[in-house]
């Protein structure tokens, strides 16, 4: 009987602490979800504070992490990620909160990153994509300037709202994120996106709300659209046959932005979706699996 009463007391105690933590009333906390990280994984950081903060910022793998606040200024959120080519190990996550009373508070966690089991595939593409001629090299160099400009700025607050959803909900996935790809037996690269099987002309939707920062044909990417979702998070849509948005357009989640195709360095008609966070490429599937707070 005593054992049963003790167990019940512990359960109630943990329940109370958990409820208080969720309401931001218990000890300050730093929570990462998912708690199991692999290279290529995006993750949500939640900071719960006893006192109100006016700003929260962080540092992860040499990158600044920007937070946005929930209700009351005691709960703050940020999206971050582990680049696909990051080596396994333990990496520090540091967070600093500027409190309303003028004081500062620091939180720290060492996060373990494990190796994701990525495969290798062999593909055949036209030789011009393996050994570009001088004209193509000039085009590639011009494309880099365009992309660098598009990636250089991001909205200071989240443009996205709610969870991210696939751009082609009914289309099967083909080549997976992180796969090592060997083109024509000579060129090896890591696949930094997710491919969907899609016939030429299939409507492509934005995975969440944001602003279009690039919308034009590029040498390798073919028809390409980049959407900024704020706080360094962007999505990239490639090999499009027709682009139906322009730079500066605001889009909502699920809105049609283009038609799929096989333009650029592609083995056939399909959609390539990339997820980019501050220059790091992340697994789109893992982004779709994250339970995210509302930003509105």
C-alpha atoms as a PDB file:
ATOM      1  CA  UNK A   1       0.000   0.000   0.000  1.00  0.00           C
ATOM      2  CA  UNK A   2       2.851   2.368   0.889  1.00  0.00           C
ATOM      3  CA  UNK A   3       4.575   1.612  -2.420  1.00  0.00           C
ATOM      4  CA  UNK A   4       1.343   2.346  -4.321  1.00  0.00           C
ATOM      5  CA  UNK A   5       0.857   5.654  -2.481  1.00  0.00           C
ATOM      6  CA  UNK A   6       4.479   6.652  -3.144  1.00  0.00           C
ATOM      7  CA  UNK A   7       4.110   5.854  -6.869  1.00  0.00           C
ATOM      8  CA  UNK A   8       0.904   7.889  -7.042  1.00  0.00           C
ATOM      9  CA  UNK A   9       2.626  10.804  -5.300  1.00  0.00           C
ATOM     10  CA  UNK A  10       5.490  10.730  -7.816  1.00  0.00           C
ATOM     11  CA  UNK A  11       3.076  10.671 -10.768  1.00  0.00           C
ATOM     12  CA  UNK A  12       1.143  13.646  -9.399  1.00  0.00           C
ATOM     13  CA  UNK A  13       4.374  15.480  -8.687  1.00  0.00           C
ATOM     14  CA  UNK A  14       5.678  14.988 -12.226  1.00  0.00           C
ATOM     15  CA  UNK A  15       2.294  15.957 -13.641  1.00  0.00           C
ATOM     16  CA  UNK A  16       2.323  19.198 -11.670  1.00  0.00           C
ATOM     17  CA  UNK A  17       5.874  20.051 -12.748  1.00  0.00           C
ATOM     18  CA  UNK A  18       5.054  19.275 -16.379  1.00  0.00           C
ATOM     19  CA  UNK A  19       1.935  21.457 -16.298  1.00  0.00           C
ATOM     20  CA  UNK A  20       3.783  24.301 -14.611  1.00  0.00           C
ATOM     21  CA  UNK A  21       6.596  24.049 -17.155  1.00  0.00           C
ATOM     22  CA  UNK A  22       4.137  24.187 -20.046  1.00  0.00           C
ATOM     23  CA  UNK A  23       2.699  27.387 -18.595  1.00  0.00           C
ATOM     24  CA  UNK A  24       6.166  28.905 -18.211  1.00  0.00           C
ATOM     25  CA  UNK A  25       5.807  29.005 -14.426  1.00  0.00           C
ATOM     26  CA  UNK A  26       8.497  26.540 -13.357  1.00  0.00           C
ATOM     27  CA  UNK A  27      12.281  26.629 -13.662  1.00  0.00           C
ATOM     28  CA  UNK A  28      13.671  28.013 -16.924  1.00  0.00           C
ATOM     29  CA  UNK A  29      14.093  25.344 -19.569  1.00  0.00           C
ATOM     30  CA  UNK A  30      15.649  24.700 -22.984  1.00  0.00           C
ATOM     31  CA  UNK A  31      13.939  21.943 -24.986  1.00  0.00           C
ATOM     32  CA  UNK A  32      14.844  20.570 -28.426  1.00  0.00           C
ATOM     33  CA  UNK A  33      12.487  18.511 -30.605  1.00  0.00           C
ATOM     34  CA  UNK A  34      13.108  15.948 -31.856  1.00  0.00           C
ATOM     35  CA  UNK A  35      15.554  14.945 -29.152  1.00  0.00           C
ATOM     36  CA  UNK A  36      17.269  12.526 -31.570  1.00  0.00           C
ATOM     37  CA  UNK A  37      19.281  14.478 -34.185  1.00  0.00           C
ATOM     38  CA  UNK A  38      21.013  13.265 -37.344  1.00  0.00           C
ATOM     39  CA  UNK A  39      22.927  15.146 -40.000  1.00  0.00           C
ATOM     40  CA  UNK A  40      20.325  16.832 -42.214  1.00  0.00           C
ATOM     41  CA  UNK A  41      17.763  17.234 -39.426  1.00  0.00           C
ATOM     42  CA  UNK A  42      15.799  20.424 -38.745  1.00  0.00           C
ATOM     43  CA  UNK A  43      14.700  20.910 -35.139  1.00  0.00           C
ATOM     44  CA  UNK A  44      12.539  23.180 -33.004  1.00  0.00           C
ATOM     45  CA  UNK A  45      14.048  24.953 -29.996  1.00  0.00           C
ATOM     46  CA  UNK A  46      11.697  26.000 -27.197  1.00  0.00           C
ATOM     47  CA  UNK A  47      12.815  28.277 -24.354  1.00  0.00           C
ATOM     48  CA  UNK A  48      10.521  28.611 -21.332  1.00  0.00           C
ATOM     49  CA  UNK A  49      11.327  31.426 -18.875  1.00  0.00           C
ATOM     50  CA  UNK A  50       9.984  32.359 -15.440  1.00  0.00           C
ATOM     51  CA  UNK A  51      10.287  36.060 -16.267  1.00  0.00           C
ATOM     52  CA  UNK A  52       9.370  38.005 -19.389  1.00  0.00           C
ATOM     53  CA  UNK A  53      12.056  38.603 -22.000  1.00  0.00           C
ATOM     54  CA  UNK A  54      12.292  41.328 -24.639  1.00  0.00           C
ATOM     55  CA  UNK A  55      14.654  39.345 -26.873  1.00  0.00           C
ATOM     56  CA  UNK A  56      16.110  35.844 -27.072  1.00  0.00           C
ATOM     57  CA  UNK A  57      19.016  34.852 -29.311  1.00  0.00           C
ATOM     58  CA  UNK A  58      21.176  31.787 -29.722  1.00  0.00           C
ATOM     59  CA  UNK A  59      24.265  30.250 -31.292  1.00  0.00           C
ATOM     60  CA  UNK A  60      24.475  26.846 -32.988  1.00  0.00           C
ATOM     61  CA  UNK A  61      27.375  25.506 -35.078  1.00  0.00           C
ATOM     62  CA  UNK A  62      28.703  29.000 -35.663  1.00  0.00           C
ATOM     63  CA  UNK A  63      25.335  30.364 -36.812  1.00  0.00           C
ATOM     64  CA  UNK A  64      23.130  32.880 -35.046  1.00  0.00           C
ATOM     65  CA  UNK A  65      19.717  31.526 -34.084  1.00  0.00           C
ATOM     66  CA  UNK A  66      16.836  34.025 -34.118  1.00  0.00           C
ATOM     67  CA  UNK A  67      13.888  33.389 -31.796  1.00  0.00           C
ATOM     68  CA  UNK A  68      10.295  34.593 -31.940  1.00  0.00           C
ATOM     69  CA  UNK A  69       8.054  34.949 -28.922  1.00  0.00           C
ATOM     70  CA  UNK A  70       4.889  33.188 -27.955  1.00  0.00           C
ATOM     71  CA  UNK A  71       2.242  34.715 -25.734  1.00  0.00           C
ATOM     72  CA  UNK A  72       3.364  36.570 -22.630  1.00  0.00           C
ATOM     73  CA  UNK A  73       7.043  36.878 -23.517  1.00  0.00           C
ATOM     74  CA  UNK A  74       7.957  33.857 -21.404  1.00  0.00           C
ATOM     75  CA  UNK A  75       8.014  31.238 -24.168  1.00  0.00           C
ATOM     76  CA  UNK A  76      10.242  31.626 -27.227  1.00  0.00           C
ATOM     77  CA  UNK A  77      10.795  29.461 -30.302  1.00  0.00           C
ATOM     78  CA  UNK A  78      13.357  29.013 -33.058  1.00  0.00           C
ATOM     79  CA  UNK A  79      13.978  26.664 -35.979  1.00  0.00           C
ATOM     80  CA  UNK A  80      17.521  25.438 -36.568  1.00  0.00           C
ATOM     81  CA  UNK A  81      19.169  22.568 -38.404  1.00  0.00           C
ATOM     82  CA  UNK A  82      22.092  20.189 -38.839  1.00  0.00           C
ATOM     83  CA  UNK A  83      23.708  20.365 -42.275  1.00  0.00           C
ATOM     84  CA  UNK A  84      23.638  17.162 -44.319  1.00  0.00           C
ATOM     85  CA  UNK A  85      27.446  16.910 -44.278  1.00  0.00           C
ATOM     86  CA  UNK A  86      28.015  17.602 -40.564  1.00  0.00           C
ATOM     87  CA  UNK A  87      30.162  14.980 -38.859  1.00  0.00           C
ATOM     88  CA  UNK A  88      28.691  13.063 -35.908  1.00  0.00           C
ATOM     89  CA  UNK A  89      29.529  14.340 -32.429  1.00  0.00           C
ATOM     90  CA  UNK A  90      28.320  16.635 -29.678  1.00  0.00           C
ATOM     91  CA  UNK A  91      27.740  20.311 -30.456  1.00  0.00           C
ATOM     92  CA  UNK A  92      26.930  23.188 -28.063  1.00  0.00           C
ATOM     93  CA  UNK A  93      23.670  25.123 -28.264  1.00  0.00           C
ATOM     94  CA  UNK A  94      23.852  28.424 -26.386  1.00  0.00           C
ATOM     95  CA  UNK A  95      20.878  30.715 -25.742  1.00  0.00           C
ATOM     96  CA  UNK A  96      20.811  34.179 -24.211  1.00  0.00           C
ATOM     97  CA  UNK A  97      17.670  35.929 -22.976  1.00  0.00           C
ATOM     98  CA  UNK A  98      17.449  39.679 -22.386  1.00  0.00           C
ATOM     99  CA  UNK A  99      14.885  39.975 -19.619  1.00  0.00           C
ATOM    100  CA  UNK A 100      12.411  42.804 -19.179  1.00  0.00           C
ATOM    101  CA  UNK A 101      14.043  43.878 -15.910  1.00  0.00           C
ATOM    102  CA  UNK A 102      17.342  44.547 -17.732  1.00  0.00           C
ATOM    103  CA  UNK A 103      19.139  41.374 -16.654  1.00  0.00           C
ATOM    104  CA  UNK A 104      20.371  38.545 -18.886  1.00  0.00           C
ATOM    105  CA  UNK A 105      19.998  34.819 -18.604  1.00  0.00           C
ATOM    106  CA  UNK A 106      22.028  32.144 -20.365  1.00  0.00           C
ATOM    107  CA  UNK A 107      20.993  28.571 -21.138  1.00  0.00           C
ATOM    108  CA  UNK A 108      23.175  25.811 -22.587  1.00  0.00           C
ATOM    109  CA  UNK A 109      22.858  22.266 -23.911  1.00  0.00           C
ATOM    110  CA  UNK A 110      25.258  19.937 -25.712  1.00  0.00           C
ATOM    111  CA  UNK A 111      23.341  18.182 -28.487  1.00  0.00           C
ATOM    112  CA  UNK A 112      24.377  14.804 -29.886  1.00  0.00           C
ATOM    113  CA  UNK A 113      24.319  14.431 -33.693  1.00  0.00           C
ATOM    114  CA  UNK A 114      24.344  10.932 -35.178  1.00  0.00           C
ATOM    115  CA  UNK A 115      24.969   9.676 -38.717  1.00  0.00           C
ATOM    116  CA  UNK A 116      21.925   9.256 -40.963  1.00  0.00           C
ATOM    117  CA  UNK A 117      21.966   6.103 -43.167  1.00  0.00           C
ATOM    118  CA  UNK A 118      22.182   7.720 -46.624  1.00  0.00           C
ATOM    119  CA  UNK A 119      22.515   5.508 -49.722  1.00  0.00           C
ATOM    120  CA  UNK A 120      24.354   5.907 -53.068  1.00  0.00           C
ATOM    121  CA  UNK A 121      22.866   5.926 -56.581  1.00  0.00           C
ATOM    122  CA  UNK A 122      24.272   6.162 -60.115  1.00  0.00           C
ATOM    123  CA  UNK A 123      22.682   8.503 -62.685  1.00  0.00           C
ATOM    124  CA  UNK A 124      23.199   9.449 -66.338  1.00  0.00           C
ATOM    125  CA  UNK A 125      22.850  13.071 -67.498  1.00  0.00           C
ATOM    126  CA  UNK A 126      23.993  14.944 -70.647  1.00  0.00           C
ATOM    127  CA  UNK A 127      27.764  15.518 -70.691  1.00  0.00           C
ATOM    128  CA  UNK A 128      27.317  19.315 -70.729  1.00  0.00           C
ATOM    129  CA  UNK A 129      26.288  19.116 -67.067  1.00  0.00           C
ATOM    130  CA  UNK A 130      29.493  17.232 -66.172  1.00  0.00           C
ATOM    131  CA  UNK A 131      31.974  19.245 -68.259  1.00  0.00           C
ATOM    132  CA  UNK A 132      30.396  22.653 -68.984  1.00  0.00           C
ATOM    133  CA  UNK A 133      31.895  24.607 -71.900  1.00  0.00           C
ATOM    134  CA  UNK A 134      33.133  28.231 -71.461  1.00  0.00           C
ATOM    135  CA  UNK A 135      29.720  29.691 -72.309  1.00  0.00           C
ATOM    136  CA  UNK A 136      28.034  27.432 -69.754  1.00  0.00           C
ATOM    137  CA  UNK A 137      30.654  28.323 -67.127  1.00  0.00           C
ATOM    138  CA  UNK A 138      29.827  32.017 -67.588  1.00  0.00           C
ATOM    139  CA  UNK A 139      26.144  31.202 -67.170  1.00  0.00           C
ATOM    140  CA  UNK A 140      26.866  29.187 -64.027  1.00  0.00           C
ATOM    141  CA  UNK A 141      28.898  32.086 -62.590  1.00  0.00           C
ATOM    142  CA  UNK A 142      26.049  34.524 -63.316  1.00  0.00           C
ATOM    143  CA  UNK A 143      23.588  32.116 -61.670  1.00  0.00           C
ATOM    144  CA  UNK A 144      25.721  32.059 -58.528  1.00  0.00           C
ATOM    145  CA  UNK A 145      25.444  35.834 -58.210  1.00  0.00           C
ATOM    146  CA  UNK A 146      21.654  35.613 -58.554  1.00  0.00           C
ATOM    147  CA  UNK A 147      21.415  32.853 -55.937  1.00  0.00           C
ATOM    148  CA  UNK A 148      23.774  34.549 -53.505  1.00  0.00           C
ATOM    149  CA  UNK A 149      21.634  37.692 -53.692  1.00  0.00           C
ATOM    150  CA  UNK A 150      18.438  35.703 -53.083  1.00  0.00           C
ATOM    151  CA  UNK A 151      19.943  33.861 -50.110  1.00  0.00           C
ATOM    152  CA  UNK A 152      21.559  36.960 -48.580  1.00  0.00           C
ATOM    153  CA  UNK A 153      18.481  38.420 -46.879  1.00  0.00           C
ATOM    154  CA  UNK A 154      15.674  36.889 -44.877  1.00  0.00           C
ATOM    155  CA  UNK A 155      12.619  38.242 -43.043  1.00  0.00           C
ATOM    156  CA  UNK A 156      13.400  39.039 -39.379  1.00  0.00           C
ATOM    157  CA  UNK A 157      10.255  37.225 -38.225  1.00  0.00           C
ATOM    158  CA  UNK A 158       8.649  33.963 -39.336  1.00  0.00           C
ATOM    159  CA  UNK A 159       6.576  34.291 -42.498  1.00  0.00           C
ATOM    160  CA  UNK A 160       5.422  30.693 -42.167  1.00  0.00           C
ATOM    161  CA  UNK A 161       2.482  29.643 -40.042  1.00  0.00           C
ATOM    162  CA  UNK A 162       1.691  26.194 -38.701  1.00  0.00           C
ATOM    163  CA  UNK A 163       3.214  23.012 -40.065  1.00  0.00           C
ATOM    164  CA  UNK A 164       4.950  22.553 -43.421  1.00  0.00           C
ATOM    165  CA  UNK A 165       3.265  20.269 -45.964  1.00  0.00           C
ATOM    166  CA  UNK A 166       4.567  18.497 -49.116  1.00  0.00           C
ATOM    167  CA  UNK A 167       4.399  20.458 -52.431  1.00  0.00           C
ATOM    168  CA  UNK A 168       2.932  17.444 -54.238  1.00  0.00           C
ATOM    169  CA  UNK A 169       0.863  15.561 -51.636  1.00  0.00           C
ATOM    170  CA  UNK A 170      -0.113  12.688 -53.938  1.00  0.00           C
ATOM    171  CA  UNK A 171       3.189  12.281 -55.806  1.00  0.00           C
ATOM    172  CA  UNK A 172       5.515   9.439 -54.738  1.00  0.00           C
ATOM    173  CA  UNK A 173       9.038  10.342 -53.650  1.00  0.00           C
ATOM    174  CA  UNK A 174      11.963   9.014 -55.666  1.00  0.00           C
ATOM    175  CA  UNK A 175      15.561  10.034 -54.913  1.00  0.00           C
ATOM    176  CA  UNK A 176      15.881  10.694 -51.181  1.00  0.00           C
ATOM    177  CA  UNK A 177      17.613  13.482 -49.320  1.00  0.00           C
ATOM    178  CA  UNK A 178      21.282  12.840 -48.477  1.00  0.00           C
ATOM    179  CA  UNK A 179      21.845  10.221 -51.181  1.00  0.00           C
ATOM    180  CA  UNK A 180      25.352  10.220 -52.664  1.00  0.00           C
ATOM    181  CA  UNK A 181      24.867  10.550 -56.408  1.00  0.00           C
ATOM    182  CA  UNK A 182      27.416   9.514 -59.037  1.00  0.00           C
ATOM    183  CA  UNK A 183      26.775  11.236 -62.392  1.00  0.00           C
ATOM    184  CA  UNK A 184      28.067   9.423 -65.503  1.00  0.00           C
ATOM    185  CA  UNK A 185      30.473   7.429 -63.387  1.00  0.00           C
ATOM    186  CA  UNK A 186      32.713  10.382 -62.539  1.00  0.00           C
ATOM    187  CA  UNK A 187      31.067  13.137 -60.542  1.00  0.00           C
ATOM    188  CA  UNK A 188      29.938  12.445 -56.970  1.00  0.00           C
ATOM    189  CA  UNK A 189      27.722  14.780 -54.955  1.00  0.00           C
ATOM    190  CA  UNK A 190      25.338  14.695 -52.020  1.00  0.00           C
ATOM    191  CA  UNK A 191      21.656  15.097 -52.904  1.00  0.00           C
ATOM    192  CA  UNK A 192      20.568  18.153 -50.912  1.00  0.00           C
ATOM    193  CA  UNK A 193      16.856  17.828 -51.485  1.00  0.00           C
ATOM    194  CA  UNK A 194      13.932  15.503 -52.025  1.00  0.00           C
ATOM    195  CA  UNK A 195      12.713  14.400 -55.466  1.00  0.00           C
ATOM    196  CA  UNK A 196       9.070  13.720 -56.335  1.00  0.00           C
ATOM    197  CA  UNK A 197       7.951  11.742 -59.366  1.00  0.00           C
ATOM    198  CA  UNK A 198       5.717  14.098 -61.335  1.00  0.00           C
ATOM    199  CA  UNK A 199       4.658  14.303 -64.954  1.00  0.00           C
ATOM    200  CA  UNK A 200       5.557  17.421 -66.878  1.00  0.00           C
ATOM    201  CA  UNK A 201       3.053  20.176 -66.015  1.00  0.00           C
ATOM    202  CA  UNK A 202       2.000  18.908 -62.574  1.00  0.00           C
ATOM    203  CA  UNK A 203       0.963  21.831 -60.288  1.00  0.00           C
ATOM    204  CA  UNK A 204       3.522  22.580 -57.554  1.00  0.00           C
ATOM    205  CA  UNK A 205       2.416  24.228 -54.282  1.00  0.00           C
ATOM    206  CA  UNK A 206       4.333  26.293 -51.736  1.00  0.00           C
ATOM    207  CA  UNK A 207       5.009  24.201 -48.624  1.00  0.00           C
ATOM    208  CA  UNK A 208       4.166  27.159 -46.363  1.00  0.00           C
ATOM    209  CA  UNK A 209       3.669  30.918 -46.427  1.00  0.00           C
ATOM    210  CA  UNK A 210       6.515  33.222 -47.380  1.00  0.00           C
ATOM    211  CA  UNK A 211       7.904  35.631 -49.950  1.00  0.00           C
ATOM    212  CA  UNK A 212       9.373  34.729 -53.350  1.00  0.00           C
ATOM    213  CA  UNK A 213      13.034  35.804 -53.552  1.00  0.00           C
ATOM    214  CA  UNK A 214      14.029  34.028 -56.797  1.00  0.00           C
ATOM    215  CA  UNK A 215      11.938  32.970 -59.802  1.00  0.00           C
ATOM    216  CA  UNK A 216      13.836  32.258 -63.033  1.00  0.00           C
ATOM    217  CA  UNK A 217      15.602  29.557 -65.074  1.00  0.00           C
ATOM    218  CA  UNK A 218      19.135  28.561 -63.954  1.00  0.00           C
ATOM    219  CA  UNK A 219      21.727  26.296 -65.601  1.00  0.00           C
ATOM    220  CA  UNK A 220      21.736  23.346 -63.207  1.00  0.00           C
ATOM    221  CA  UNK A 221      18.410  23.974 -61.438  1.00  0.00           C
ATOM    222  CA  UNK A 222      16.338  24.661 -64.573  1.00  0.00           C
ATOM    223  CA  UNK A 223      13.177  26.613 -63.759  1.00  0.00           C
ATOM    224  CA  UNK A 224      13.708  27.591 -60.134  1.00  0.00           C
ATOM    225  CA  UNK A 225      11.685  29.269 -57.369  1.00  0.00           C
ATOM    226  CA  UNK A 226      13.012  30.150 -53.910  1.00  0.00           C
ATOM    227  CA  UNK A 227      10.654  31.142 -51.079  1.00  0.00           C
ATOM    228  CA  UNK A 228      11.866  32.876 -47.919  1.00  0.00           C
ATOM    229  CA  UNK A 229       9.913  31.726 -44.839  1.00  0.00           C
ATOM    230  CA  UNK A 230      11.770  34.041 -42.473  1.00  0.00           C
ATOM    231  CA  UNK A 231      14.518  33.623 -39.865  1.00  0.00           C
ATOM    232  CA  UNK A 232      16.913  32.089 -42.403  1.00  0.00           C
ATOM    233  CA  UNK A 233      14.576  29.285 -43.533  1.00  0.00           C
ATOM    234  CA  UNK A 234      13.985  28.956 -47.297  1.00  0.00           C
ATOM    235  CA  UNK A 235      12.573  26.355 -49.679  1.00  0.00           C
ATOM    236  CA  UNK A 236      13.868  25.732 -53.211  1.00  0.00           C
ATOM    237  CA  UNK A 237      11.789  24.265 -56.070  1.00  0.00           C
ATOM    238  CA  UNK A 238      13.736  23.063 -59.127  1.00  0.00           C
ATOM    239  CA  UNK A 239      13.409  21.689 -62.694  1.00  0.00           C
ATOM    240  CA  UNK A 240      10.129  23.576 -63.225  1.00  0.00           C
ATOM    241  CA  UNK A 241       8.590  23.778 -66.698  1.00  0.00           C
ATOM    242  CA  UNK A 242       6.630  26.951 -65.901  1.00  0.00           C
ATOM    243  CA  UNK A 243       7.023  29.523 -63.122  1.00  0.00           C
ATOM    244  CA  UNK A 244       3.775  31.178 -61.980  1.00  0.00           C
ATOM    245  CA  UNK A 245       5.093  33.647 -59.370  1.00  0.00           C
ATOM    246  CA  UNK A 246       7.514  36.585 -59.434  1.00  0.00           C
ATOM    247  CA  UNK A 247      10.171  37.951 -57.069  1.00  0.00           C
ATOM    248  CA  UNK A 248       8.502  39.948 -54.300  1.00  0.00           C
ATOM    249  CA  UNK A 249       5.239  37.990 -54.362  1.00  0.00           C
ATOM    250  CA  UNK A 250       3.820  36.881 -51.034  1.00  0.00           C
ATOM    251  CA  UNK A 251       2.500  33.317 -51.134  1.00  0.00           C
ATOM    252  CA  UNK A 252       0.385  31.250 -48.784  1.00  0.00           C
ATOM    253  CA  UNK A 253       0.879  27.615 -47.886  1.00  0.00           C
ATOM    254  CA  UNK A 254      -0.650  25.366 -50.532  1.00  0.00           C
ATOM    255  CA  UNK A 255      -0.726  28.106 -53.186  1.00  0.00           C
ATOM    256  CA  UNK A 256       0.251  27.050 -56.712  1.00  0.00           C
ATOM    257  CA  UNK A 257       3.627  28.554 -57.647  1.00  0.00           C
ATOM    258  CA  UNK A 258       4.740  26.569 -60.717  1.00  0.00           C
ATOM    259  CA  UNK A 259       4.400  23.486 -62.901  1.00  0.00           C
ATOM    260  CA  UNK A 260       6.844  20.578 -62.628  1.00  0.00           C
ATOM    261  CA  UNK A 261       9.197  19.678 -65.455  1.00  0.00           C
ATOM    262  CA  UNK A 262      12.576  18.253 -66.407  1.00  0.00           C
ATOM    263  CA  UNK A 263      14.615  21.401 -67.028  1.00  0.00           C
ATOM    264  CA  UNK A 264      18.244  21.857 -65.954  1.00  0.00           C
ATOM    265  CA  UNK A 265      20.349  18.901 -64.795  1.00  0.00           C
ATOM    266  CA  UNK A 266      17.590  16.320 -64.608  1.00  0.00           C
ATOM    267  CA  UNK A 267      17.200  12.714 -65.720  1.00  0.00           C
ATOM    268  CA  UNK A 268      13.515  13.292 -66.518  1.00  0.00           C
ATOM    269  CA  UNK A 269      10.416  15.178 -65.359  1.00  0.00           C
ATOM    270  CA  UNK A 270      10.238  15.499 -61.570  1.00  0.00           C
ATOM    271  CA  UNK A 271      10.219  18.066 -58.777  1.00  0.00           C
ATOM    272  CA  UNK A 272      13.251  18.691 -56.598  1.00  0.00           C
ATOM    273  CA  UNK A 273      12.447  20.315 -53.253  1.00  0.00           C
ATOM    274  CA  UNK A 274      15.247  21.741 -51.140  1.00  0.00           C
ATOM    275  CA  UNK A 275      15.105  23.123 -47.584  1.00  0.00           C
ATOM    276  CA  UNK A 276      17.820  25.607 -46.657  1.00  0.00           C
ATOM    277  CA  UNK A 277      18.511  27.110 -43.229  1.00  0.00           C
ATOM    278  CA  UNK A 278      21.285  29.724 -43.153  1.00  0.00           C
ATOM    279  CA  UNK A 279      23.216  27.903 -45.872  1.00  0.00           C
ATOM    280  CA  UNK A 280      22.688  24.417 -44.430  1.00  0.00           C
ATOM    281  CA  UNK A 281      20.580  21.944 -46.403  1.00  0.00           C
ATOM    282  CA  UNK A 282      18.028  19.967 -44.406  1.00  0.00           C
ATOM    283  CA  UNK A 283      15.804  16.944 -44.993  1.00  0.00           C
ATOM    284  CA  UNK A 284      12.325  18.113 -46.152  1.00  0.00           C
ATOM    285  CA  UNK A 285      10.653  14.963 -44.790  1.00  0.00           C
ATOM    286  CA  UNK A 286      11.936  15.740 -41.300  1.00  0.00           C
ATOM    287  CA  UNK A 287      10.628  19.307 -41.621  1.00  0.00           C
ATOM    288  CA  UNK A 288       7.161  17.983 -42.502  1.00  0.00           C
ATOM    289  CA  UNK A 289       7.246  15.816 -39.357  1.00  0.00           C
ATOM    290  CA  UNK A 290       7.894  18.718 -36.960  1.00  0.00           C
ATOM    291  CA  UNK A 291       4.994  19.878 -34.803  1.00  0.00           C
ATOM    292  CA  UNK A 292       5.376  23.654 -34.975  1.00  0.00           C
ATOM    293  CA  UNK A 293       3.766  26.444 -32.953  1.00  0.00           C
ATOM    294  CA  UNK A 294       1.543  29.053 -34.563  1.00  0.00           C
ATOM    295  CA  UNK A 295       3.361  32.246 -35.564  1.00  0.00           C
ATOM    296  CA  UNK A 296       0.206  34.392 -35.848  1.00  0.00           C
END
